[in-house]
Amino acid sequence: MTAIWWVWVAAGLVLAIVELFAPGFFFAGFAVGAVLTGGIMGLGLPGSGWMGASPFNALIVFAVLSLIAWLALRAVVGVRKGQVRKIDRDINED
């Protein structure tokens, strides 16, 4: 089951390509999470045996890494200052 690392990396690359066509950094976190999950499994880092024991374990690691990556990307390149516009007056008011 640990020989499946390349599927995670390939899925991450596909998600990164999909992100090019979808604005908002929605798929970027998933792409980074998939590549990191594949990297951990492929390099045989600590925890890779546990991840390879069950697909559910790998999905847990993928979900956690994706969330962390999404939060980091959102903090670095997410909402810009002044991007949110407050509306003080309704256009229908006279």
N, C-alpha and C. Protein backbone atom coordinates (compact mmCIF):
# COMPACT_ATOMS: atom_id res chain seq x y z
N MET A 1 0.81 -1.20 0.00
CA MET A 1 0.00 0.00 0.00
C MET A 1 0.85 1.26 0.00
N THR A 2 2.11 1.17 0.44
CA THR A 2 2.96 2.36 0.47
C THR A 2 3.49 2.72 -0.91
N ALA A 3 3.32 1.84 -1.90
CA ALA A 3 3.76 2.16 -3.26
C ALA A 3 2.77 3.07 -3.96
N ILE A 4 1.74 3.51 -3.28
CA ILE A 4 0.71 4.35 -3.87
C ILE A 4 1.06 5.84 -3.73
N TRP A 5 2.24 6.15 -3.27
CA TRP A 5 2.62 7.54 -3.03
C TRP A 5 2.52 8.38 -4.29
N TRP A 6 2.83 7.80 -5.43
CA TRP A 6 2.83 8.57 -6.67
C TRP A 6 1.42 8.98 -7.08
N VAL A 7 0.39 8.22 -6.64
CA VAL A 7 -0.99 8.60 -6.93
C VAL A 7 -1.33 9.89 -6.20
N TRP A 8 -0.87 10.03 -4.96
CA TRP A 8 -1.10 11.27 -4.21
C TRP A 8 -0.43 12.46 -4.88
N VAL A 9 0.80 12.26 -5.32
CA VAL A 9 1.52 13.36 -5.98
C VAL A 9 0.84 13.72 -7.31
N ALA A 10 0.43 12.73 -8.08
CA ALA A 10 -0.26 12.99 -9.35
C ALA A 10 -1.59 13.71 -9.10
N ALA A 11 -2.32 13.28 -8.07
CA ALA A 11 -3.59 13.94 -7.74
C ALA A 11 -3.34 15.39 -7.33
N GLY A 12 -2.25 15.63 -6.61
CA GLY A 12 -1.90 17.00 -6.23
C GLY A 12 -1.60 17.86 -7.44
N LEU A 13 -0.91 17.30 -8.41
CA LEU A 13 -0.60 18.06 -9.62
C LEU A 13 -1.86 18.34 -10.43
N VAL A 14 -2.76 17.37 -10.49
CA VAL A 14 -4.04 17.59 -11.19
C VAL A 14 -4.84 18.68 -10.50
N LEU A 15 -4.89 18.65 -9.17
CA LEU A 15 -5.61 19.69 -8.42
C LEU A 15 -4.97 21.06 -8.62
N ALA A 16 -3.65 21.10 -8.73
CA ALA A 16 -2.98 22.38 -8.99
C ALA A 16 -3.35 22.92 -10.36
N ILE A 17 -3.47 22.05 -11.34
CA ILE A 17 -3.89 22.47 -12.68
C ILE A 17 -5.34 22.96 -12.65
N VAL A 18 -6.19 22.25 -11.92
CA VAL A 18 -7.59 22.67 -11.79
C VAL A 18 -7.66 24.05 -11.13
N GLU A 19 -6.78 24.31 -10.19
CA GLU A 19 -6.76 25.61 -9.50
C GLU A 19 -6.49 26.76 -10.46
N LEU A 20 -5.76 26.49 -11.53
CA LEU A 20 -5.49 27.54 -12.51
C LEU A 20 -6.77 28.04 -13.18
N PHE A 21 -7.78 27.17 -13.25
CA PHE A 21 -9.03 27.53 -13.91
C PHE A 21 -10.12 27.95 -12.93
N ALA A 22 -9.89 27.78 -11.64
CA ALA A 22 -10.89 28.14 -10.63
C ALA A 22 -10.28 29.19 -9.69
N PRO A 23 -10.84 30.37 -9.64
CA PRO A 23 -10.27 31.41 -8.78
C PRO A 23 -10.59 31.18 -7.31
N GLY A 24 -9.79 31.77 -6.45
CA GLY A 24 -10.11 31.76 -5.03
C GLY A 24 -9.30 30.83 -4.16
N PHE A 25 -8.29 30.20 -4.65
CA PHE A 25 -7.45 29.29 -3.87
C PHE A 25 -8.25 28.17 -3.23
N PHE A 26 -9.26 27.68 -3.91
CA PHE A 26 -10.07 26.61 -3.36
C PHE A 26 -9.35 25.26 -3.47
N PHE A 27 -8.77 24.97 -4.61
CA PHE A 27 -8.11 23.69 -4.82
C PHE A 27 -6.63 23.70 -4.44
N ALA A 28 -6.07 24.86 -4.19
CA ALA A 28 -4.64 24.97 -3.89
C ALA A 28 -4.29 24.24 -2.59
N GLY A 29 -5.11 24.39 -1.58
CA GLY A 29 -4.85 23.70 -0.31
C GLY A 29 -4.91 22.19 -0.47
N PHE A 30 -5.88 21.73 -1.26
CA PHE A 30 -5.97 20.29 -1.52
C PHE A 30 -4.75 19.80 -2.31
N ALA A 31 -4.29 20.60 -3.25
CA ALA A 31 -3.12 20.22 -4.06
C ALA A 31 -1.89 20.08 -3.18
N VAL A 32 -1.67 21.06 -2.32
CA VAL A 32 -0.50 21.01 -1.42
C VAL A 32 -0.63 19.82 -0.46
N GLY A 33 -1.83 19.61 0.07
CA GLY A 33 -2.03 18.48 0.98
C GLY A 33 -1.77 17.14 0.31
N ALA A 34 -2.21 16.99 -0.93
CA ALA A 34 -1.99 15.72 -1.64
C ALA A 34 -0.51 15.50 -1.94
N VAL A 35 0.18 16.56 -2.38
CA VAL A 35 1.61 16.41 -2.68
C VAL A 35 2.39 16.11 -1.39
N LEU A 36 2.06 16.77 -0.30
CA LEU A 36 2.74 16.49 0.97
C LEU A 36 2.46 15.09 1.47
N THR A 37 1.23 14.63 1.32
CA THR A 37 0.89 13.26 1.71
C THR A 37 1.68 12.25 0.89
N GLY A 38 1.75 12.47 -0.42
CA GLY A 38 2.54 11.59 -1.27
C GLY A 38 4.03 11.67 -0.95
N GLY A 39 4.49 12.87 -0.63
CA GLY A 39 5.90 13.03 -0.27
C GLY A 39 6.26 12.29 1.01
N ILE A 40 5.40 12.37 2.00
CA ILE A 40 5.65 11.66 3.26
C ILE A 40 5.68 10.15 3.02
N MET A 41 4.73 9.67 2.23
CA MET A 41 4.69 8.22 1.95
C MET A 41 5.85 7.78 1.07
N GLY A 42 6.20 8.59 0.08
CA GLY A 42 7.26 8.22 -0.85
C GLY A 42 8.65 8.26 -0.25
N LEU A 43 8.87 9.23 0.63
CA LEU A 43 10.19 9.35 1.24
C LEU A 43 10.37 8.45 2.45
N GLY A 44 9.29 7.83 2.89
CA GLY A 44 9.38 6.93 4.03
C GLY A 44 9.61 7.66 5.34
N LEU A 45 9.07 8.85 5.45
CA LEU A 45 9.22 9.63 6.67
C LEU A 45 8.44 8.98 7.81
N PRO A 46 8.75 9.35 9.06
CA PRO A 46 8.01 8.76 10.18
C PRO A 46 6.50 8.96 10.02
N GLY A 47 5.77 7.92 10.25
CA GLY A 47 4.32 7.94 10.08
C GLY A 47 3.86 7.39 8.75
N SER A 48 4.79 7.19 7.82
CA SER A 48 4.39 6.69 6.51
C SER A 48 3.89 5.24 6.57
N GLY A 49 4.41 4.46 7.48
CA GLY A 49 3.93 3.09 7.64
C GLY A 49 2.50 3.06 8.13
N TRP A 50 2.18 3.97 9.07
CA TRP A 50 0.82 4.08 9.57
C TRP A 50 -0.12 4.56 8.47
N MET A 51 0.35 5.49 7.66
CA MET A 51 -0.47 6.01 6.56
C MET A 51 -0.71 4.93 5.51
N GLY A 52 0.29 4.12 5.24
CA GLY A 52 0.17 3.08 4.23
C GLY A 52 -0.63 1.88 4.68
N ALA A 53 -0.87 1.77 5.99
CA ALA A 53 -1.61 0.62 6.51
C ALA A 53 -3.08 0.65 6.11
N SER A 54 -3.62 1.85 5.94
CA SER A 54 -5.03 1.96 5.60
C SER A 54 -5.26 3.22 4.78
N PRO A 55 -6.09 3.16 3.76
CA PRO A 55 -6.40 4.38 3.00
C PRO A 55 -7.07 5.44 3.87
N PHE A 56 -7.82 5.01 4.88
CA PHE A 56 -8.46 5.96 5.80
C PHE A 56 -7.42 6.78 6.55
N ASN A 57 -6.32 6.14 6.97
CA ASN A 57 -5.25 6.87 7.66
C ASN A 57 -4.62 7.92 6.75
N ALA A 58 -4.40 7.56 5.50
CA ALA A 58 -3.84 8.52 4.55
C ALA A 58 -4.81 9.67 4.29
N LEU A 59 -6.10 9.38 4.26
CA LEU A 59 -7.09 10.44 4.06
C LEU A 59 -7.14 11.40 5.25
N ILE A 60 -6.94 10.88 6.45
CA ILE A 60 -6.89 11.75 7.63
C ILE A 60 -5.72 12.70 7.53
N VAL A 61 -4.55 12.17 7.19
CA VAL A 61 -3.35 13.01 7.05
C VAL A 61 -3.55 14.03 5.93
N PHE A 62 -4.12 13.58 4.82
CA PHE A 62 -4.40 14.47 3.69
C PHE A 62 -5.33 15.61 4.12
N ALA A 63 -6.38 15.29 4.86
CA ALA A 63 -7.33 16.32 5.29
C ALA A 63 -6.67 17.34 6.20
N VAL A 64 -5.88 16.86 7.14
CA VAL A 64 -5.22 17.78 8.08
C VAL A 64 -4.20 18.65 7.35
N LEU A 65 -3.39 18.04 6.48
CA LEU A 65 -2.40 18.82 5.73
C LEU A 65 -3.06 19.81 4.78
N SER A 66 -4.17 19.42 4.18
CA SER A 66 -4.89 20.32 3.27
C SER A 66 -5.45 21.52 4.02
N LEU A 67 -6.00 21.28 5.20
CA LEU A 67 -6.54 22.39 5.99
C LEU A 67 -5.44 23.35 6.41
N ILE A 68 -4.32 22.81 6.86
CA ILE A 68 -3.19 23.66 7.26
C ILE A 68 -2.67 24.45 6.06
N ALA A 69 -2.55 23.79 4.92
CA ALA A 69 -2.06 24.47 3.70
C ALA A 69 -3.04 25.55 3.26
N TRP A 70 -4.35 25.26 3.32
CA TRP A 70 -5.35 26.24 2.91
C TRP A 70 -5.31 27.46 3.83
N LEU A 71 -5.20 27.23 5.13
CA LEU A 71 -5.13 28.35 6.07
C LEU A 71 -3.87 29.18 5.85
N ALA A 72 -2.75 28.51 5.58
CA ALA A 72 -1.49 29.22 5.33
C ALA A 72 -1.58 30.03 4.04
N LEU A 73 -2.11 29.43 2.99
CA LEU A 73 -2.25 30.16 1.72
C LEU A 73 -3.21 31.33 1.87
N ARG A 74 -4.28 31.14 2.62
CA ARG A 74 -5.24 32.21 2.83
C ARG A 74 -4.60 33.37 3.59
N ALA A 75 -3.74 33.05 4.56
CA ALA A 75 -3.08 34.09 5.33
C ALA A 75 -2.05 34.84 4.49
N VAL A 76 -1.37 34.14 3.60
CA VAL A 76 -0.30 34.75 2.82
C VAL A 76 -0.85 35.50 1.60
N VAL A 77 -1.71 34.86 0.83
CA VAL A 77 -2.17 35.47 -0.43
C VAL A 77 -3.69 35.59 -0.50
N GLY A 78 -4.35 35.52 0.62
CA GLY A 78 -5.81 35.53 0.64
C GLY A 78 -6.42 36.90 0.45
N VAL A 79 -7.25 37.28 1.36
CA VAL A 79 -7.99 38.53 1.28
C VAL A 79 -7.03 39.71 1.42
N ARG A 80 -7.12 40.61 0.46
CA ARG A 80 -6.28 41.80 0.51
C ARG A 80 -6.96 42.89 1.33
N LYS A 81 -6.17 43.81 1.85
CA LYS A 81 -6.70 44.93 2.60
C LYS A 81 -7.58 45.77 1.68
N GLY A 82 -8.76 46.12 2.15
CA GLY A 82 -9.65 46.95 1.36
C GLY A 82 -10.44 46.19 0.32
N GLN A 83 -10.33 44.88 0.28
CA GLN A 83 -11.05 44.11 -0.72
C GLN A 83 -12.55 44.04 -0.40
N VAL A 84 -12.86 44.04 0.87
CA VAL A 84 -14.26 43.97 1.27
C VAL A 84 -14.84 45.38 1.27
N ARG A 85 -15.96 45.54 0.62
CA ARG A 85 -16.58 46.85 0.52
C ARG A 85 -17.83 46.89 1.38
N LYS A 86 -17.90 47.89 2.24
CA LYS A 86 -19.07 48.07 3.08
C LYS A 86 -20.05 48.98 2.37
N ILE A 87 -21.31 48.60 2.37
CA ILE A 87 -22.35 49.41 1.75
C ILE A 87 -23.10 50.12 2.86
N ASP A 88 -23.03 51.44 2.86
CA ASP A 88 -23.67 52.25 3.90
C ASP A 88 -25.08 52.69 3.51
N ARG A 89 -25.36 52.75 2.24
CA ARG A 89 -26.62 53.33 1.79
C ARG A 89 -27.24 52.43 0.74
N ASP A 90 -28.51 52.25 0.82
CA ASP A 90 -29.25 51.46 -0.15
C ASP A 90 -29.54 52.32 -1.38
N ILE A 91 -29.37 51.77 -2.57
CA ILE A 91 -29.58 52.56 -3.79
C ILE A 91 -31.05 52.90 -3.99
N ASN A 92 -31.94 52.21 -3.29
CA ASN A 92 -33.36 52.48 -3.44
C ASN A 92 -33.86 53.59 -2.52
N GLU A 93 -32.99 54.03 -1.63
CA GLU A 93 -33.39 55.13 -0.74
C GLU A 93 -33.31 56.45 -1.47
N ASP A 94 -34.30 57.31 -1.25
CA ASP A 94 -34.28 58.63 -1.87
C ASP A 94 -34.28 59.72 -0.84
